[in-house]
Structures are given as structure tokens and as C-alpha cells.
């Protein structure tokens, strides 16, 4: 549960947040569905990225400047090639 969540509301965890709708894949969050994605694997990858981003935001909330739109935050892994 995040600090901003309504503590009086119950949030259920879903074993599978992925759904195929009209030939496109989506994943479900508390904020709504995300997608469409062409494959289940792509939707699952984006879901894992979304979860990692939410964990990063929760762990670093004090360091993130005020006024940042949380919907615009995405955690990315940058790999630097070793030459």
C-alpha cells in the first residue's frame, strides 16, 4: 500500500494482471488498464517495468522534486557497453 492510498479501501492482489482484449494485450493497475501491447510477453515486460518504477518512487519519494507528475516517471536500466 502506498502512502497516498485510501486506507479504508481494500486492495486485492491479482495473480495475473494481464488480459487479452480484442487481440491486444493490457495489464491492470489501480489507476486503470495500460496498453495495448502486441504480445503477452511485451505486456508482461511493461508490467514488470511499471512495478519496478512504483517501487523506485516509493523508496525515493523524498528525493523526487515536488510537482513531478508520477504518471511521467519511468525507471529505466541503462547498460553502458564495456570496450
N, C-alpha and C. Protein backbone atom coordinates (compact mmCIF):
# COMPACT_ATOMS: atom_id res chain seq x y z
N UNK A 1 0.85 -1.18 0.00
CA UNK A 1 0.00 0.00 0.00
C UNK A 1 0.89 1.23 0.00
N UNK A 2 0.54 2.18 -0.83
CA UNK A 2 1.29 3.43 -0.90
C UNK A 2 0.72 4.44 0.09
N UNK A 3 1.54 5.42 0.43
CA UNK A 3 1.10 6.45 1.38
C UNK A 3 -0.13 7.18 0.91
N UNK A 4 -0.27 7.33 -0.40
CA UNK A 4 -1.39 8.09 -0.95
C UNK A 4 -2.66 7.27 -1.10
N UNK A 5 -2.60 5.95 -0.84
CA UNK A 5 -3.77 5.10 -0.98
C UNK A 5 -4.78 5.35 0.13
N UNK A 6 -6.03 5.19 -0.21
CA UNK A 6 -7.12 5.31 0.76
C UNK A 6 -7.04 4.11 1.70
N UNK A 7 -6.72 4.36 2.96
CA UNK A 7 -6.51 3.27 3.92
C UNK A 7 -7.80 2.53 4.26
N UNK A 8 -8.95 3.15 4.01
CA UNK A 8 -10.23 2.49 4.30
C UNK A 8 -10.64 1.54 3.18
N UNK A 9 -9.96 1.62 2.05
CA UNK A 9 -10.30 0.78 0.90
C UNK A 9 -9.41 -0.46 0.88
N UNK A 10 -9.99 -1.60 0.53
CA UNK A 10 -9.24 -2.85 0.42
C UNK A 10 -8.71 -2.99 -1.01
N UNK A 11 -7.43 -3.30 -1.15
CA UNK A 11 -6.82 -3.52 -2.45
C UNK A 11 -6.45 -4.99 -2.56
N UNK A 12 -7.03 -5.66 -3.54
CA UNK A 12 -6.74 -7.08 -3.74
C UNK A 12 -5.57 -7.24 -4.70
N UNK A 13 -4.72 -8.20 -4.41
CA UNK A 13 -3.63 -8.51 -5.33
C UNK A 13 -4.13 -9.54 -6.32
N UNK A 14 -3.77 -9.33 -7.56
CA UNK A 14 -4.19 -10.25 -8.61
C UNK A 14 -3.03 -11.13 -9.01
N UNK A 15 -3.29 -12.41 -9.17
CA UNK A 15 -2.24 -13.34 -9.59
C UNK A 15 -1.82 -13.06 -11.03
N UNK A 16 -2.76 -12.61 -11.85
CA UNK A 16 -2.45 -12.32 -13.24
C UNK A 16 -3.14 -11.02 -13.64
N UNK A 17 -2.36 -9.99 -13.86
CA UNK A 17 -2.90 -8.68 -14.22
C UNK A 17 -3.01 -8.52 -15.73
N UNK A 18 -2.65 -9.54 -16.50
CA UNK A 18 -2.65 -9.44 -17.95
C UNK A 18 -3.99 -9.88 -18.53
N UNK A 19 -4.42 -9.19 -19.59
CA UNK A 19 -5.69 -9.53 -20.23
C UNK A 19 -5.58 -9.32 -21.73
N UNK A 20 -6.18 -10.24 -22.48
CA UNK A 20 -6.26 -10.13 -23.93
C UNK A 20 -7.63 -9.57 -24.27
N UNK A 21 -7.65 -8.40 -24.92
CA UNK A 21 -8.90 -7.73 -25.26
C UNK A 21 -8.85 -7.35 -26.74
N UNK A 22 -9.72 -7.95 -27.52
CA UNK A 22 -9.79 -7.61 -28.94
C UNK A 22 -8.49 -7.82 -29.70
N UNK A 23 -7.72 -8.82 -29.30
CA UNK A 23 -6.47 -9.11 -29.98
C UNK A 23 -5.27 -8.35 -29.45
N UNK A 24 -5.47 -7.44 -28.50
CA UNK A 24 -4.39 -6.68 -27.88
C UNK A 24 -4.25 -7.05 -26.41
N UNK A 25 -3.03 -6.95 -25.91
CA UNK A 25 -2.75 -7.27 -24.51
C UNK A 25 -2.69 -5.99 -23.68
N UNK A 26 -3.20 -6.09 -22.44
CA UNK A 26 -3.21 -4.99 -21.49
C UNK A 26 -2.79 -5.54 -20.12
N UNK A 27 -2.32 -4.64 -19.24
CA UNK A 27 -2.17 -5.03 -17.84
C UNK A 27 -2.93 -4.04 -16.98
N UNK A 28 -3.40 -4.50 -15.86
CA UNK A 28 -4.27 -3.73 -14.97
C UNK A 28 -3.48 -3.18 -13.79
N UNK A 29 -3.70 -1.90 -13.48
CA UNK A 29 -3.16 -1.27 -12.27
C UNK A 29 -4.33 -0.66 -11.50
N UNK A 30 -4.07 -0.16 -10.32
CA UNK A 30 -5.13 0.53 -9.57
C UNK A 30 -5.64 1.74 -10.34
N UNK A 31 -4.73 2.34 -11.12
CA UNK A 31 -5.10 3.54 -11.87
C UNK A 31 -5.85 3.24 -13.15
N UNK A 32 -5.87 1.99 -13.57
CA UNK A 32 -6.56 1.62 -14.80
C UNK A 32 -5.71 0.72 -15.68
N UNK A 33 -6.26 0.37 -16.83
CA UNK A 33 -5.56 -0.53 -17.75
C UNK A 33 -4.46 0.22 -18.49
N UNK A 34 -3.36 -0.49 -18.76
CA UNK A 34 -2.25 0.05 -19.54
C UNK A 34 -2.10 -0.82 -20.78
N UNK A 35 -1.88 -0.19 -21.91
CA UNK A 35 -1.72 -0.92 -23.16
C UNK A 35 -2.26 -0.09 -24.29
N UNK A 36 -2.41 -0.62 -25.45
CA UNK A 36 -2.29 -2.04 -25.81
C UNK A 36 -0.86 -2.43 -26.15
N UNK A 37 -0.60 -3.74 -26.04
CA UNK A 37 0.67 -4.34 -26.41
C UNK A 37 0.39 -5.46 -27.39
N UNK A 38 1.31 -5.69 -28.31
CA UNK A 38 1.09 -6.68 -29.36
C UNK A 38 1.15 -8.11 -28.86
N UNK A 39 1.99 -8.36 -27.83
CA UNK A 39 2.14 -9.72 -27.33
C UNK A 39 1.99 -9.76 -25.82
N UNK A 40 1.70 -10.94 -25.31
CA UNK A 40 1.62 -11.14 -23.85
C UNK A 40 2.96 -10.84 -23.20
N UNK A 41 4.04 -11.26 -23.88
CA UNK A 41 5.39 -11.05 -23.36
C UNK A 41 5.71 -9.56 -23.24
N UNK A 42 5.29 -8.77 -24.23
CA UNK A 42 5.51 -7.32 -24.19
C UNK A 42 4.74 -6.69 -23.03
N UNK A 43 3.50 -7.12 -22.85
CA UNK A 43 2.68 -6.59 -21.75
C UNK A 43 3.30 -6.97 -20.40
N UNK A 44 3.78 -8.20 -20.28
CA UNK A 44 4.39 -8.66 -19.04
C UNK A 44 5.68 -7.87 -18.75
N UNK A 45 6.49 -7.63 -19.79
CA UNK A 45 7.71 -6.84 -19.62
C UNK A 45 7.37 -5.43 -19.12
N UNK A 46 6.37 -4.80 -19.73
CA UNK A 46 5.97 -3.45 -19.32
C UNK A 46 5.37 -3.45 -17.91
N UNK A 47 4.65 -4.51 -17.55
CA UNK A 47 4.12 -4.62 -16.20
C UNK A 47 5.26 -4.69 -15.18
N UNK A 48 6.28 -5.48 -15.47
CA UNK A 48 7.42 -5.60 -14.55
C UNK A 48 8.14 -4.24 -14.43
N UNK A 49 8.26 -3.52 -15.54
CA UNK A 49 8.87 -2.20 -15.52
C UNK A 49 8.03 -1.24 -14.69
N UNK A 50 6.71 -1.31 -14.84
CA UNK A 50 5.79 -0.47 -14.06
C UNK A 50 5.96 -0.75 -12.56
N UNK A 51 6.00 -2.02 -12.19
CA UNK A 51 6.15 -2.39 -10.78
C UNK A 51 7.48 -1.88 -10.23
N UNK A 52 8.57 -2.05 -11.00
CA UNK A 52 9.88 -1.56 -10.58
C UNK A 52 9.86 -0.04 -10.41
N UNK A 53 9.18 0.66 -11.31
CA UNK A 53 9.08 2.11 -11.22
C UNK A 53 8.34 2.53 -9.96
N UNK A 54 7.22 1.87 -9.66
CA UNK A 54 6.45 2.20 -8.46
C UNK A 54 7.27 1.94 -7.19
N UNK A 55 8.04 0.86 -7.17
CA UNK A 55 8.92 0.58 -6.02
C UNK A 55 9.99 1.65 -5.88
N UNK A 56 10.57 2.07 -7.02
CA UNK A 56 11.59 3.11 -7.00
C UNK A 56 11.01 4.42 -6.46
N UNK A 57 9.84 4.78 -6.92
CA UNK A 57 9.21 6.02 -6.46
C UNK A 57 8.95 5.95 -4.96
N UNK A 58 8.44 4.84 -4.48
CA UNK A 58 8.15 4.69 -3.05
C UNK A 58 9.42 4.78 -2.21
N UNK A 59 10.51 4.19 -2.71
CA UNK A 59 11.77 4.18 -1.96
C UNK A 59 12.50 5.52 -2.03
N UNK A 60 12.21 6.34 -3.02
CA UNK A 60 12.95 7.58 -3.24
C UNK A 60 12.06 8.82 -3.24
N UNK A 61 10.90 8.69 -2.65
CA UNK A 61 9.91 9.77 -2.68
C UNK A 61 10.47 11.10 -2.16
N UNK A 62 11.30 11.05 -1.13
CA UNK A 62 11.83 12.28 -0.54
C UNK A 62 12.79 13.00 -1.48
N UNK A 63 13.45 12.27 -2.37
CA UNK A 63 14.42 12.87 -3.27
C UNK A 63 13.81 13.37 -4.58
N UNK A 64 12.59 12.96 -4.87
CA UNK A 64 11.95 13.37 -6.13
C UNK A 64 11.34 14.75 -5.92
N UNK A 65 11.68 15.71 -6.79
CA UNK A 65 11.18 17.08 -6.61
C UNK A 65 9.66 17.16 -6.57
N UNK A 66 9.15 18.09 -5.76
CA UNK A 66 7.70 18.29 -5.72
C UNK A 66 7.24 18.81 -7.06
N UNK A 67 6.02 18.52 -7.40
CA UNK A 67 5.47 18.95 -8.67
C UNK A 67 5.68 17.97 -9.80
N UNK A 68 6.43 16.88 -9.54
CA UNK A 68 6.64 15.87 -10.57
C UNK A 68 5.36 15.06 -10.73
N UNK A 69 4.92 14.90 -11.96
CA UNK A 69 3.74 14.08 -12.24
C UNK A 69 4.17 12.62 -12.21
N UNK A 70 3.68 11.85 -11.26
CA UNK A 70 4.08 10.45 -11.10
C UNK A 70 3.79 9.63 -12.36
N UNK A 71 2.81 10.04 -13.14
CA UNK A 71 2.50 9.32 -14.38
C UNK A 71 3.60 9.50 -15.42
N UNK A 72 4.44 10.51 -15.24
CA UNK A 72 5.53 10.76 -16.19
C UNK A 72 6.85 10.15 -15.76
N UNK A 73 6.87 9.44 -14.64
CA UNK A 73 8.11 8.84 -14.13
C UNK A 73 8.21 7.40 -14.62
N UNK A 74 9.35 7.09 -15.24
CA UNK A 74 9.62 5.72 -15.68
C UNK A 74 11.06 5.38 -15.33
N UNK A 75 11.25 4.30 -14.63
CA UNK A 75 12.57 3.81 -14.29
C UNK A 75 13.13 3.04 -15.48
N UNK A 76 14.34 3.38 -15.88
CA UNK A 76 14.96 2.67 -16.99
C UNK A 76 16.34 2.17 -16.57
N UNK A 77 16.71 1.03 -17.09
CA UNK A 77 18.05 0.49 -16.88
C UNK A 77 18.89 0.87 -18.08
N UNK A 78 20.01 1.51 -17.82
CA UNK A 78 20.92 1.90 -18.89
C UNK A 78 22.17 1.04 -18.77
N UNK A 79 22.44 0.32 -19.81
CA UNK A 79 23.64 -0.50 -19.83
C UNK A 79 24.71 0.20 -20.64
N UNK A 80 25.86 0.38 -20.02
CA UNK A 80 26.98 1.03 -20.69
C UNK A 80 27.86 -0.07 -21.27
N UNK A 81 28.11 -0.04 -22.56
CA UNK A 81 28.95 -1.09 -23.15
C UNK A 81 30.39 -1.00 -22.65
N UNK A 82 30.97 -2.14 -22.43
CA UNK A 82 32.36 -2.21 -21.98
C UNK A 82 33.23 -2.44 -23.22
N UNK A 83 34.12 -1.49 -23.50
CA UNK A 83 35.02 -1.60 -24.67
C UNK A 83 36.39 -2.04 -24.24
